[in-house]
Amino acid sequence: QVQLVESGGGLVQAGGSLRLSCAASGRTFSNYAMGWVRQAPGKEREFCAATTWSGSRTYYADSVKGRFTISRDNAKNTVYLQMNSLKPEDTAVYYCAADSSLATIRSLLYPYWGQGTQVTVSS
C-alpha cells in the first residue's frame, strides 16, 4: 500500500500561481510513477500530469501544458505540481495518484489515490 497526502491548495486569483505537494509513505517511493488528476464540480475526473519513477519523463494534458509543471523529489518522497497562469477553469479538487506501472499513468487507472486538495481560481 502507498499512502498519499496532498497539500498546498487554496484560493488564488486568475493569473496567479500555486504549488501542490503530495507526500507519499508506505512503500519505496521511487518505485512508483506519480500523477495529478483533477475533478471540477459536476465534471468527471481529468488527467493533468504524470512523471515516471525517476522524473526523467513528464506528461501533460493539453489543457495544462505550458502552465503546469510536475516534479518529484525521491529523497523526500514527494511529488509537486507547480501551477502558473491559473485560470478559473482550473478550479477543481486535485488528486495525487501513484502506480507501479507506467502503462496507465496518463489515464485515470491509478490504484493509489490521495484525499485531494481544493484549488479555487477566482476571476
N, C-alpha and C. Protein backbone atom coordinates (compact mmCIF):
# COMPACT_ATOMS: atom_id res chain seq x y z
N GLN A 1 0.83 -1.20 0.00
CA GLN A 1 0.00 0.00 0.00
C GLN A 1 0.86 1.25 0.00
N VAL A 2 0.37 2.25 -0.68
CA VAL A 2 1.02 3.57 -0.69
C VAL A 2 0.00 4.55 -0.16
N GLN A 3 0.42 5.35 0.81
CA GLN A 3 -0.44 6.40 1.34
C GLN A 3 0.02 7.74 0.77
N LEU A 4 -0.95 8.53 0.33
CA LEU A 4 -0.66 9.81 -0.32
C LEU A 4 -1.43 10.92 0.37
N VAL A 5 -0.74 12.02 0.66
CA VAL A 5 -1.38 13.16 1.31
C VAL A 5 -1.01 14.42 0.55
N GLU A 6 -2.02 15.08 -0.01
CA GLU A 6 -1.82 16.32 -0.75
C GLU A 6 -1.90 17.53 0.17
N SER A 7 -1.24 18.59 -0.25
CA SER A 7 -1.33 19.87 0.44
C SER A 7 -1.03 20.98 -0.56
N GLY A 8 -1.31 22.20 -0.16
CA GLY A 8 -0.95 23.35 -0.98
C GLY A 8 -2.09 23.99 -1.74
N GLY A 9 -3.26 23.40 -1.67
CA GLY A 9 -4.40 24.02 -2.35
C GLY A 9 -4.83 25.30 -1.66
N GLY A 10 -5.74 26.02 -2.33
CA GLY A 10 -6.23 27.26 -1.75
C GLY A 10 -6.95 28.10 -2.77
N LEU A 11 -7.16 29.36 -2.41
CA LEU A 11 -7.85 30.33 -3.27
C LEU A 11 -6.81 31.27 -3.86
N VAL A 12 -6.86 31.45 -5.17
CA VAL A 12 -5.92 32.32 -5.85
C VAL A 12 -6.65 33.06 -6.97
N GLN A 13 -6.17 34.24 -7.28
CA GLN A 13 -6.77 34.99 -8.39
C GLN A 13 -6.27 34.47 -9.73
N ALA A 14 -7.07 34.69 -10.74
CA ALA A 14 -6.66 34.30 -12.09
C ALA A 14 -5.32 34.95 -12.43
N GLY A 15 -4.46 34.15 -13.05
CA GLY A 15 -3.12 34.62 -13.38
C GLY A 15 -2.09 34.30 -12.31
N GLY A 16 -2.55 33.88 -11.15
CA GLY A 16 -1.64 33.57 -10.06
C GLY A 16 -1.07 32.16 -10.13
N SER A 17 -0.35 31.81 -9.08
CA SER A 17 0.34 30.51 -9.03
C SER A 17 0.08 29.81 -7.70
N LEU A 18 0.15 28.50 -7.76
CA LEU A 18 0.12 27.67 -6.56
C LEU A 18 1.05 26.48 -6.79
N ARG A 19 1.58 25.95 -5.71
CA ARG A 19 2.34 24.71 -5.81
C ARG A 19 1.71 23.67 -4.89
N LEU A 20 1.29 22.59 -5.49
CA LEU A 20 0.74 21.48 -4.73
C LEU A 20 1.85 20.50 -4.40
N SER A 21 1.74 19.89 -3.23
CA SER A 21 2.67 18.85 -2.81
C SER A 21 1.90 17.59 -2.49
N CYS A 22 2.56 16.47 -2.67
CA CYS A 22 1.96 15.18 -2.32
C CYS A 22 3.04 14.35 -1.64
N ALA A 23 2.85 14.07 -0.37
CA ALA A 23 3.80 13.27 0.39
C ALA A 23 3.35 11.82 0.39
N ALA A 24 4.28 10.93 0.07
CA ALA A 24 3.98 9.51 -0.01
C ALA A 24 4.65 8.76 1.13
N SER A 25 3.99 7.69 1.55
CA SER A 25 4.57 6.82 2.58
C SER A 25 4.07 5.40 2.35
N GLY A 26 4.75 4.46 2.95
CA GLY A 26 4.30 3.09 2.93
C GLY A 26 5.10 2.15 2.06
N ARG A 27 5.58 2.63 0.93
CA ARG A 27 6.38 1.79 0.05
C ARG A 27 7.52 2.64 -0.52
N THR A 28 8.41 2.01 -1.25
CA THR A 28 9.53 2.74 -1.84
C THR A 28 9.01 3.69 -2.91
N PHE A 29 9.11 4.97 -2.63
CA PHE A 29 8.52 6.00 -3.48
C PHE A 29 9.05 5.94 -4.90
N SER A 30 10.33 5.69 -5.03
CA SER A 30 10.94 5.72 -6.37
C SER A 30 10.50 4.55 -7.24
N ASN A 31 9.75 3.62 -6.69
CA ASN A 31 9.21 2.52 -7.49
C ASN A 31 7.89 2.85 -8.16
N TYR A 32 7.40 4.08 -7.92
CA TYR A 32 6.07 4.45 -8.39
C TYR A 32 6.12 5.64 -9.32
N ALA A 33 5.43 5.50 -10.44
CA ALA A 33 5.12 6.65 -11.26
C ALA A 33 4.03 7.44 -10.54
N MET A 34 4.06 8.75 -10.70
CA MET A 34 3.14 9.62 -9.98
C MET A 34 2.38 10.51 -10.93
N GLY A 35 1.15 10.80 -10.56
CA GLY A 35 0.34 11.65 -11.41
C GLY A 35 -0.53 12.60 -10.59
N TRP A 36 -1.03 13.59 -11.29
CA TRP A 36 -2.03 14.51 -10.73
C TRP A 36 -3.27 14.46 -11.61
N VAL A 37 -4.38 14.32 -10.96
CA VAL A 37 -5.69 14.24 -11.61
C VAL A 37 -6.59 15.25 -10.93
N ARG A 38 -7.46 15.89 -11.67
CA ARG A 38 -8.35 16.87 -11.05
C ARG A 38 -9.80 16.57 -11.40
N GLN A 39 -10.68 17.08 -10.54
CA GLN A 39 -12.12 16.94 -10.78
C GLN A 39 -12.80 18.24 -10.44
N ALA A 40 -13.36 18.86 -11.47
CA ALA A 40 -14.10 20.09 -11.29
C ALA A 40 -15.54 19.77 -10.88
N PRO A 41 -16.23 20.72 -10.25
CA PRO A 41 -17.61 20.48 -9.83
C PRO A 41 -18.49 20.06 -10.99
N GLY A 42 -19.19 18.95 -10.82
CA GLY A 42 -20.11 18.48 -11.84
C GLY A 42 -19.46 17.84 -13.05
N LYS A 43 -18.15 17.65 -13.00
CA LYS A 43 -17.45 17.06 -14.14
C LYS A 43 -16.73 15.79 -13.73
N GLU A 44 -16.31 15.02 -14.72
CA GLU A 44 -15.56 13.80 -14.46
C GLU A 44 -14.10 14.14 -14.14
N ARG A 45 -13.43 13.19 -13.54
CA ARG A 45 -12.01 13.38 -13.27
C ARG A 45 -11.24 13.51 -14.58
N GLU A 46 -10.19 14.31 -14.53
CA GLU A 46 -9.40 14.63 -15.73
C GLU A 46 -7.91 14.48 -15.42
N PHE A 47 -7.22 13.74 -16.26
CA PHE A 47 -5.77 13.64 -16.11
C PHE A 47 -5.13 15.00 -16.33
N CYS A 48 -4.16 15.36 -15.46
CA CYS A 48 -3.43 16.62 -15.62
C CYS A 48 -1.98 16.40 -16.01
N ALA A 49 -1.27 15.62 -15.19
CA ALA A 49 0.17 15.48 -15.39
C ALA A 49 0.65 14.19 -14.75
N ALA A 50 1.77 13.69 -15.25
CA ALA A 50 2.36 12.48 -14.68
C ALA A 50 3.86 12.50 -14.89
N THR A 51 4.56 11.75 -14.06
CA THR A 51 6.00 11.63 -14.20
C THR A 51 6.42 10.20 -13.91
N THR A 52 7.50 9.78 -14.53
CA THR A 52 7.99 8.43 -14.36
C THR A 52 8.73 8.26 -13.04
N TRP A 53 9.22 7.06 -12.80
CA TRP A 53 9.83 6.74 -11.50
C TRP A 53 10.94 7.69 -11.11
N SER A 54 11.78 8.03 -12.07
CA SER A 54 12.92 8.89 -11.77
C SER A 54 12.63 10.36 -12.01
N GLY A 55 11.50 10.64 -12.65
CA GLY A 55 11.19 12.01 -13.01
C GLY A 55 11.79 12.43 -14.34
N SER A 56 12.41 11.49 -15.04
CA SER A 56 13.09 11.85 -16.29
C SER A 56 12.11 12.16 -17.42
N ARG A 57 10.92 11.62 -17.32
CA ARG A 57 9.91 11.93 -18.33
C ARG A 57 8.64 12.46 -17.67
N THR A 58 8.03 13.43 -18.33
CA THR A 58 6.80 14.01 -17.83
C THR A 58 5.75 14.06 -18.94
N TYR A 59 4.51 14.05 -18.53
CA TYR A 59 3.39 14.06 -19.47
C TYR A 59 2.35 15.05 -18.97
N TYR A 60 1.71 15.72 -19.89
CA TYR A 60 0.72 16.74 -19.53
C TYR A 60 -0.50 16.65 -20.41
N ALA A 61 -1.64 17.00 -19.82
CA ALA A 61 -2.84 17.20 -20.62
C ALA A 61 -2.68 18.50 -21.40
N ASP A 62 -3.30 18.56 -22.56
CA ASP A 62 -3.20 19.76 -23.38
C ASP A 62 -3.71 21.00 -22.63
N SER A 63 -4.67 20.79 -21.76
CA SER A 63 -5.28 21.92 -21.05
C SER A 63 -4.33 22.59 -20.06
N VAL A 64 -3.28 21.91 -19.66
CA VAL A 64 -2.36 22.49 -18.67
C VAL A 64 -0.93 22.62 -19.21
N LYS A 65 -0.68 22.10 -20.38
CA LYS A 65 0.68 22.12 -20.94
C LYS A 65 1.17 23.55 -21.07
N GLY A 66 2.39 23.77 -20.62
CA GLY A 66 2.97 25.11 -20.68
C GLY A 66 2.68 25.96 -19.47
N ARG A 67 1.73 25.53 -18.64
CA ARG A 67 1.39 26.29 -17.43
C ARG A 67 1.70 25.51 -16.16
N PHE A 68 1.55 24.20 -16.21
CA PHE A 68 1.79 23.34 -15.04
C PHE A 68 3.08 22.57 -15.23
N THR A 69 3.77 22.32 -14.11
CA THR A 69 4.98 21.52 -14.14
C THR A 69 4.96 20.50 -13.01
N ILE A 70 5.11 19.24 -13.37
CA ILE A 70 5.20 18.19 -12.37
C ILE A 70 6.66 17.86 -12.11
N SER A 71 6.98 17.64 -10.85
CA SER A 71 8.34 17.25 -10.50
C SER A 71 8.27 16.37 -9.26
N ARG A 72 9.37 15.72 -8.97
CA ARG A 72 9.40 14.85 -7.79
C ARG A 72 10.76 14.92 -7.14
N ASP A 73 10.76 14.68 -5.83
CA ASP A 73 11.99 14.60 -5.06
C ASP A 73 11.94 13.25 -4.34
N ASN A 74 12.64 12.27 -4.89
CA ASN A 74 12.58 10.92 -4.32
C ASN A 74 13.22 10.84 -2.94
N ALA A 75 14.12 11.75 -2.64
CA ALA A 75 14.72 11.76 -1.31
C ALA A 75 13.71 12.20 -0.26
N LYS A 76 12.72 12.99 -0.68
CA LYS A 76 11.70 13.49 0.24
C LYS A 76 10.36 12.77 0.07
N ASN A 77 10.34 11.78 -0.82
CA ASN A 77 9.09 11.04 -1.06
C ASN A 77 7.93 11.97 -1.40
N THR A 78 8.21 12.95 -2.23
CA THR A 78 7.22 13.98 -2.53
C THR A 78 7.17 14.27 -4.02
N VAL A 79 5.97 14.47 -4.51
CA VAL A 79 5.77 14.93 -5.88
C VAL A 79 5.07 16.29 -5.81
N TYR A 80 5.39 17.14 -6.77
CA TYR A 80 4.88 18.51 -6.77
C TYR A 80 4.13 18.79 -8.07
N LEU A 81 3.24 19.76 -7.99
CA LEU A 81 2.62 20.30 -9.18
C LEU A 81 2.66 21.82 -9.07
N GLN A 82 3.55 22.42 -9.85
CA GLN A 82 3.64 23.88 -9.91
C GLN A 82 2.63 24.36 -10.94
N MET A 83 1.72 25.20 -10.51
CA MET A 83 0.66 25.68 -11.39
C MET A 83 0.80 27.19 -11.56
N ASN A 84 1.06 27.62 -12.77
CA ASN A 84 1.21 29.03 -13.09
C ASN A 84 0.10 29.48 -14.04
N SER A 85 -0.06 30.78 -14.14
CA SER A 85 -1.07 31.36 -15.05
C SER A 85 -2.42 30.67 -14.86
N LEU A 86 -2.83 30.56 -13.63
CA LEU A 86 -4.06 29.84 -13.32
C LEU A 86 -5.28 30.55 -13.90
N LYS A 87 -6.25 29.74 -14.31
CA LYS A 87 -7.48 30.23 -14.89
C LYS A 87 -8.66 29.75 -14.04
N PRO A 88 -9.78 30.44 -14.11
CA PRO A 88 -10.96 29.97 -13.35
C PRO A 88 -11.33 28.53 -13.68
N GLU A 89 -11.10 28.12 -14.91
CA GLU A 89 -11.45 26.74 -15.28
C GLU A 89 -10.49 25.70 -14.70
N ASP A 90 -9.45 26.15 -14.01
CA ASP A 90 -8.58 25.22 -13.30
C ASP A 90 -9.14 24.88 -11.92
N THR A 91 -10.21 25.55 -11.53
CA THR A 91 -10.84 25.27 -10.24
C THR A 91 -11.29 23.82 -10.18
N ALA A 92 -10.81 23.10 -9.16
CA ALA A 92 -11.10 21.67 -9.05
C ALA A 92 -10.49 21.14 -7.76
N VAL A 93 -10.87 19.93 -7.43
CA VAL A 93 -10.13 19.17 -6.42
C VAL A 93 -9.02 18.44 -7.15
N TYR A 94 -7.81 18.60 -6.65
CA TYR A 94 -6.65 17.98 -7.28
C TYR A 94 -6.21 16.78 -6.45
N TYR A 95 -6.08 15.66 -7.14
CA TYR A 95 -5.69 14.41 -6.50
C TYR A 95 -4.31 13.98 -6.97
N CYS A 96 -3.55 13.49 -6.04
CA CYS A 96 -2.28 12.84 -6.32
C CYS A 96 -2.54 11.35 -6.45
N ALA A 97 -1.85 10.68 -7.36
CA ALA A 97 -2.06 9.26 -7.56
C ALA A 97 -0.74 8.56 -7.87
N ALA A 98 -0.69 7.28 -7.57
CA ALA A 98 0.54 6.51 -7.75
C ALA A 98 0.25 5.19 -8.44
N ASP A 99 1.23 4.75 -9.23
CA ASP A 99 1.10 3.48 -9.93
C ASP A 99 2.49 2.91 -10.15
N SER A 100 2.66 1.62 -9.86
CA SER A 100 3.96 1.00 -10.09
C SER A 100 4.19 0.71 -11.56
N SER A 101 3.14 0.77 -12.35
CA SER A 101 3.25 0.52 -13.79
C SER A 101 3.23 1.85 -14.54
N LEU A 102 4.00 1.92 -15.61
CA LEU A 102 4.00 3.10 -16.47
C LEU A 102 2.90 3.04 -17.52
N ALA A 103 2.29 1.89 -17.67
CA ALA A 103 1.37 1.68 -18.80
C ALA A 103 0.16 2.60 -18.77
N THR A 104 -0.27 2.98 -17.59
CA THR A 104 -1.54 3.70 -17.49
C THR A 104 -1.41 5.05 -16.80
N ILE A 105 -0.19 5.60 -16.73
CA ILE A 105 -0.05 6.82 -15.93
C ILE A 105 -0.67 8.03 -16.58
N ARG A 106 -1.02 7.94 -17.85
CA ARG A 106 -1.72 9.06 -18.49
C ARG A 106 -3.23 8.84 -18.53
N SER A 107 -3.67 7.87 -17.75
CA SER A 107 -5.10 7.59 -17.66
C SER A 107 -5.58 7.91 -16.25
N LEU A 108 -6.73 7.37 -15.90
CA LEU A 108 -7.27 7.54 -14.55
C LEU A 108 -7.21 6.23 -13.78
N LEU A 109 -6.43 5.27 -14.26
CA LEU A 109 -6.45 3.92 -13.71
C LEU A 109 -5.40 3.70 -12.64
N TYR A 110 -5.12 4.72 -11.86
CA TYR A 110 -4.16 4.59 -10.77
C TYR A 110 -4.75 3.76 -9.65
N PRO A 111 -3.98 2.87 -9.04
CA PRO A 111 -4.51 2.10 -7.92
C PRO A 111 -4.48 2.84 -6.59
N TYR A 112 -3.63 3.84 -6.47
CA TYR A 112 -3.49 4.54 -5.19
C TYR A 112 -3.78 6.03 -5.37
N TRP A 113 -4.59 6.56 -4.43
CA TRP A 113 -5.04 7.96 -4.53
C TRP A 113 -4.94 8.65 -3.18
N GLY A 114 -4.68 9.96 -3.23
CA GLY A 114 -4.78 10.77 -2.05
C GLY A 114 -6.21 11.24 -1.86
N GLN A 115 -6.42 12.06 -0.83
CA GLN A 115 -7.77 12.52 -0.50
C GLN A 115 -8.16 13.77 -1.27
N GLY A 116 -7.20 14.41 -1.90
CA GLY A 116 -7.48 15.59 -2.71
C GLY A 116 -7.28 16.89 -1.96
N THR A 117 -6.99 17.93 -2.72
CA THR A 117 -6.85 19.28 -2.17
C THR A 117 -7.57 20.24 -3.11
N GLN A 118 -8.32 21.17 -2.54
CA GLN A 118 -9.16 22.07 -3.33
C GLN A 118 -8.33 23.25 -3.85
N VAL A 119 -8.47 23.52 -5.12
CA VAL A 119 -7.89 24.70 -5.74
C VAL A 119 -9.04 25.52 -6.33
N THR A 120 -9.11 26.77 -5.93
CA THR A 120 -10.15 27.66 -6.43
C THR A 120 -9.49 28.89 -7.04
N VAL A 121 -9.82 29.16 -8.30
CA VAL A 121 -9.26 30.30 -9.01
C VAL A 121 -10.38 31.29 -9.27
N SER A 122 -10.24 32.48 -8.72
CA SER A 122 -11.27 33.50 -8.90
C SER A 122 -10.94 34.38 -10.09
N SER A 123 -11.98 34.87 -10.72
CA SER A 123 -11.78 35.71 -11.92
C SER A 123 -11.70 37.18 -11.55
